[in-house]
Amino acid sequence: MFPDIGLLELLVLVAVIIVVVGPKELPGMMRTIGEWVGKARATAREFQRSFEDMAREAELAELRKEVESIKSANPLEKLKENIAGPIDPNEPFYPPGGEDPDLDDPQEPSGPRKKDGNDEQIQAKKPDQT
């Protein structure tokens, strides 16, 4: 609570306050100090709430903008535009990337793989059953 004030210093401070203020007026003074501390805490709490409200409103505004951008993009209309054109069966189909998938790696042969002598050595030998 009081990181830089030790117990001895706190007792000296209380003794000085009792001598200066007097034992009769001490409860009234403590009550007044308590009210000030309560008002300070309430003000700090209100200040913190106002910052939280502003952050929440900014976040909501950002979410609203994102929803509006999604609505304005209208992905269904774009899909309808892509589908609306005629389909030519003689035209080759390319994936959305726009490139022929067979041309991605010209070094790799297409079609079934041919067996060579190494493939047979890799296969595990079956144990003899007697």
C-alpha atoms as a PDB file:
ATOM      1  CA  MET A   1       0.000   0.000   0.000  1.00  0.00           C
ATOM      2  CA  PHE A   2       2.752   2.433   0.979  1.00  0.00           C
ATOM      3  CA  PRO A   3       5.847   1.070  -0.753  1.00  0.00           C
ATOM      4  CA  ASP A   4       8.297   3.754   0.429  1.00  0.00           C
ATOM      5  CA  ILE A   5       6.924   4.272   3.952  1.00  0.00           C
ATOM      6  CA  GLY A   6       7.935   1.828   6.659  1.00  0.00           C
ATOM      7  CA  LEU A   7       5.972   0.975   9.803  1.00  0.00           C
ATOM      8  CA  LEU A   8       7.983   3.370  11.979  1.00  0.00           C
ATOM      9  CA  GLU A   9       7.438   6.290   9.595  1.00  0.00           C
ATOM     10  CA  LEU A  10       3.718   5.508   9.428  1.00  0.00           C
ATOM     11  CA  LEU A  11       3.442   5.541  13.255  1.00  0.00           C
ATOM     12  CA  VAL A  12       5.305   8.884  13.433  1.00  0.00           C
ATOM     13  CA  LEU A  13       2.955  10.329  10.788  1.00  0.00           C
ATOM     14  CA  VAL A  14      -0.144   9.174  12.724  1.00  0.00           C
ATOM     15  CA  ALA A  15       1.231  10.676  15.955  1.00  0.00           C
ATOM     16  CA  VAL A  16       1.899  14.040  14.254  1.00  0.00           C
ATOM     17  CA  ILE A  17      -1.617  14.078  12.767  1.00  0.00           C
ATOM     18  CA  ILE A  18      -3.178  13.353  16.164  1.00  0.00           C
ATOM     19  CA  VAL A  19      -1.141  16.161  17.773  1.00  0.00           C
ATOM     20  CA  VAL A  20      -1.884  18.686  14.983  1.00  0.00           C
ATOM     21  CA  VAL A  21      -5.563  17.891  14.372  1.00  0.00           C
ATOM     22  CA  GLY A  22      -6.522  16.650  17.794  1.00  0.00           C
ATOM     23  CA  PRO A  23      -8.372  13.502  18.807  1.00  0.00           C
ATOM     24  CA  LYS A  24     -11.831  15.184  18.656  1.00  0.00           C
ATOM     25  CA  GLU A  25     -11.619  16.278  15.031  1.00  0.00           C
ATOM     26  CA  LEU A  26      -9.724  13.201  13.778  1.00  0.00           C
ATOM     27  CA  PRO A  27     -12.850  11.144  12.875  1.00  0.00           C
ATOM     28  CA  GLY A  28     -14.318  14.061  10.879  1.00  0.00           C
ATOM     29  CA  MET A  29     -11.044  14.576   9.056  1.00  0.00           C
ATOM     30  CA  MET A  30     -10.800  10.838   8.222  1.00  0.00           C
ATOM     31  CA  ARG A  31     -14.380  10.916   6.911  1.00  0.00           C
ATOM     32  CA  THR A  32     -13.549  13.893   4.665  1.00  0.00           C
ATOM     33  CA  ILE A  33     -10.414  12.186   3.365  1.00  0.00           C
ATOM     34  CA  GLY A  34     -12.484   9.042   2.687  1.00  0.00           C
ATOM     35  CA  GLU A  35     -15.009  11.081   0.688  1.00  0.00           C
ATOM     36  CA  TRP A  36     -12.222  12.651  -1.379  1.00  0.00           C
ATOM     37  CA  VAL A  37     -10.704   9.245  -2.082  1.00  0.00           C
ATOM     38  CA  GLY A  38     -14.159   7.913  -3.087  1.00  0.00           C
ATOM     39  CA  LYS A  39     -14.692  10.835  -5.477  1.00  0.00           C
ATOM     40  CA  ALA A  40     -11.240  10.332  -6.980  1.00  0.00           C
ATOM     41  CA  ARG A  41     -11.950   6.624  -7.532  1.00  0.00           C
ATOM     42  CA  ALA A  42     -15.346   7.390  -9.105  1.00  0.00           C
ATOM     43  CA  THR A  43     -13.731   9.914 -11.449  1.00  0.00           C
ATOM     44  CA  ALA A  44     -11.033   7.411 -12.427  1.00  0.00           C
ATOM     45  CA  ARG A  45     -13.675   4.708 -13.008  1.00  0.00           C
ATOM     46  CA  GLU A  46     -15.741   7.065 -15.204  1.00  0.00           C
ATOM     47  CA  PHE A  47     -12.620   8.057 -17.148  1.00  0.00           C
ATOM     48  CA  GLN A  48     -11.748   4.381 -17.746  1.00  0.00           C
ATOM     49  CA  ARG A  49     -15.316   3.591 -18.858  1.00  0.00           C
ATOM     50  CA  SER A  50     -15.272   6.465 -21.343  1.00  0.00           C
ATOM     51  CA  PHE A  51     -12.053   5.116 -22.888  1.00  0.00           C
ATOM     52  CA  GLU A  52     -13.545   1.614 -23.074  1.00  0.00           C
ATOM     53  CA  ASP A  53     -16.682   3.013 -24.728  1.00  0.00           C
ATOM     54  CA  MET A  54     -14.616   4.909 -27.303  1.00  0.00           C
ATOM     55  CA  ALA A  55     -12.602   1.757 -28.076  1.00  0.00           C
ATOM     56  CA  ARG A  56     -15.797  -0.271 -28.412  1.00  0.00           C
ATOM     57  CA  GLU A  57     -17.345   2.328 -30.747  1.00  0.00           C
ATOM     58  CA  ALA A  58     -14.192   2.419 -32.886  1.00  0.00           C
ATOM     59  CA  GLU A  59     -14.235  -1.367 -33.117  1.00  0.00           C
ATOM     60  CA  LEU A  60     -17.919  -1.351 -34.075  1.00  0.00           C
ATOM     61  CA  ALA A  61     -17.297   1.285 -36.727  1.00  0.00           C
ATOM     62  CA  GLU A  62     -14.499  -0.853 -38.161  1.00  0.00           C
ATOM     63  CA  LEU A  63     -16.775  -3.905 -38.218  1.00  0.00           C
ATOM     64  CA  ARG A  64     -19.518  -1.881 -39.931  1.00  0.00           C
ATOM     65  CA  LYS A  65     -17.082  -0.790 -42.650  1.00  0.00           C
ATOM     66  CA  GLU A  66     -15.999  -4.395 -43.163  1.00  0.00           C
ATOM     67  CA  VAL A  67     -19.610  -5.592 -43.452  1.00  0.00           C
ATOM     68  CA  GLU A  68     -20.400  -2.821 -45.920  1.00  0.00           C
ATOM     69  CA  SER A  69     -17.365  -3.722 -48.033  1.00  0.00           C
ATOM     70  CA  ILE A  70     -18.489  -7.347 -48.096  1.00  0.00           C
ATOM     71  CA  LYS A  71     -22.007  -6.299 -49.071  1.00  0.00           C
ATOM     72  CA  SER A  72     -20.733  -4.006 -51.809  1.00  0.00           C
ATOM     73  CA  ALA A  73     -18.425  -6.715 -53.182  1.00  0.00           C
ATOM     74  CA  ASN A  74     -21.484  -8.947 -53.780  1.00  0.00           C
ATOM     75  CA  PRO A  75     -19.702 -12.224 -54.564  1.00  0.00           C
ATOM     76  CA  LEU A  76     -22.904 -13.793 -55.940  1.00  0.00           C
ATOM     77  CA  GLU A  77     -23.050 -11.245 -58.757  1.00  0.00           C
ATOM     78  CA  LYS A  78     -19.427 -11.945 -59.675  1.00  0.00           C
ATOM     79  CA  LEU A  79     -20.184 -15.664 -59.725  1.00  0.00           C
ATOM     80  CA  LYS A  80     -23.233 -15.107 -61.929  1.00  0.00           C
ATOM     81  CA  GLU A  81     -21.129 -13.032 -64.345  1.00  0.00           C
ATOM     82  CA  ASN A  82     -18.551 -15.806 -64.597  1.00  0.00           C
ATOM     83  CA  ILE A  83     -21.181 -18.469 -65.173  1.00  0.00           C
ATOM     84  CA  ALA A  84     -23.341 -16.422 -67.548  1.00  0.00           C
ATOM     85  CA  GLY A  85     -21.088 -16.844 -70.589  1.00  0.00           C
ATOM     86  CA  PRO A  86     -21.556 -19.733 -73.031  1.00  0.00           C
ATOM     87  CA  ILE A  87     -19.475 -22.846 -72.551  1.00  0.00           C
ATOM     88  CA  ASP A  88     -17.504 -24.081 -75.554  1.00  0.00           C
ATOM     89  CA  PRO A  89     -16.798 -27.837 -75.264  1.00  0.00           C
ATOM     90  CA  ASN A  90     -13.844 -27.542 -77.667  1.00  0.00           C
ATOM     91  CA  GLU A  91     -12.102 -24.912 -75.520  1.00  0.00           C
ATOM     92  CA  PRO A  92      -9.663 -26.370 -72.941  1.00  0.00           C
ATOM     93  CA  PHE A  93     -10.449 -25.757 -69.285  1.00  0.00           C
ATOM     94  CA  TYR A  94      -7.872 -23.967 -67.212  1.00  0.00           C
ATOM     95  CA  PRO A  95      -8.145 -23.618 -63.413  1.00  0.00           C
ATOM     96  CA  PRO A  96      -8.751 -20.172 -61.894  1.00  0.00           C
ATOM     97  CA  GLY A  97      -4.995 -19.459 -61.894  1.00  0.00           C
ATOM     98  CA  GLY A  98      -5.244 -19.194 -65.673  1.00  0.00           C
ATOM     99  CA  GLU A  99      -2.391 -21.560 -66.517  1.00  0.00           C
ATOM    100  CA  ASP A 100      -2.401 -25.043 -67.960  1.00  0.00           C
ATOM    101  CA  PRO A 101      -1.647 -27.445 -65.062  1.00  0.00           C
ATOM    102  CA  ASP A 102       0.353 -29.730 -67.377  1.00  0.00           C
ATOM    103  CA  LEU A 103       2.770 -26.887 -68.178  1.00  0.00           C
ATOM    104  CA  ASP A 104       3.650 -26.155 -64.524  1.00  0.00           C
ATOM    105  CA  ASP A 105       6.654 -28.514 -64.447  1.00  0.00           C
ATOM    106  CA  PRO A 106       7.858 -29.468 -67.933  1.00  0.00           C
ATOM    107  CA  GLN A 107      10.654 -31.642 -66.471  1.00  0.00           C
ATOM    108  CA  GLU A 108       8.203 -34.035 -64.818  1.00  0.00           C
ATOM    109  CA  PRO A 109       6.817 -36.609 -67.261  1.00  0.00           C
ATOM    110  CA  SER A 110       3.076 -36.953 -67.487  1.00  0.00           C
ATOM    111  CA  GLY A 111       1.296 -40.289 -67.651  1.00  0.00           C
ATOM    112  CA  PRO A 112       1.936 -43.562 -65.809  1.00  0.00           C
ATOM    113  CA  ARG A 113       5.358 -44.141 -64.337  1.00  0.00           C
ATOM    114  CA  LYS A 114       7.532 -46.789 -65.941  1.00  0.00           C
ATOM    115  CA  LYS A 115       9.186 -49.389 -63.785  1.00  0.00           C
ATOM    116  CA  ASP A 116      12.925 -49.636 -63.801  1.00  0.00           C
ATOM    117  CA  GLY A 117      15.301 -51.941 -61.996  1.00  0.00           C
ATOM    118  CA  ASN A 118      15.483 -49.732 -58.882  1.00  0.00           C
ATOM    119  CA  ASP A 119      11.740 -50.022 -58.134  1.00  0.00           C
ATOM    120  CA  GLU A 120      12.000 -53.774 -57.717  1.00  0.00           C
ATOM    121  CA  GLN A 121      14.874 -53.470 -55.227  1.00  0.00           C
ATOM    122  CA  ILE A 122      12.922 -51.055 -53.007  1.00  0.00           C
ATOM    123  CA  GLN A 123       9.977 -53.417 -52.593  1.00  0.00           C
ATOM    124  CA  ALA A 124      10.147 -55.518 -49.439  1.00  0.00           C
ATOM    125  CA  LYS A 125      10.759 -59.226 -49.825  1.00  0.00           C
ATOM    126  CA  LYS A 126       8.046 -61.509 -48.515  1.00  0.00           C
ATOM    127  CA  PRO A 127       9.126 -64.136 -46.001  1.00  0.00           C
ATOM    128  CA  ASP A 128       8.738 -67.765 -47.063  1.00  0.00           C
ATOM    129  CA  GLN A 129       5.740 -69.487 -45.573  1.00  0.00           C
ATOM    130  CA  THR A 130       6.164 -73.181 -44.785  1.00  0.00           C
END
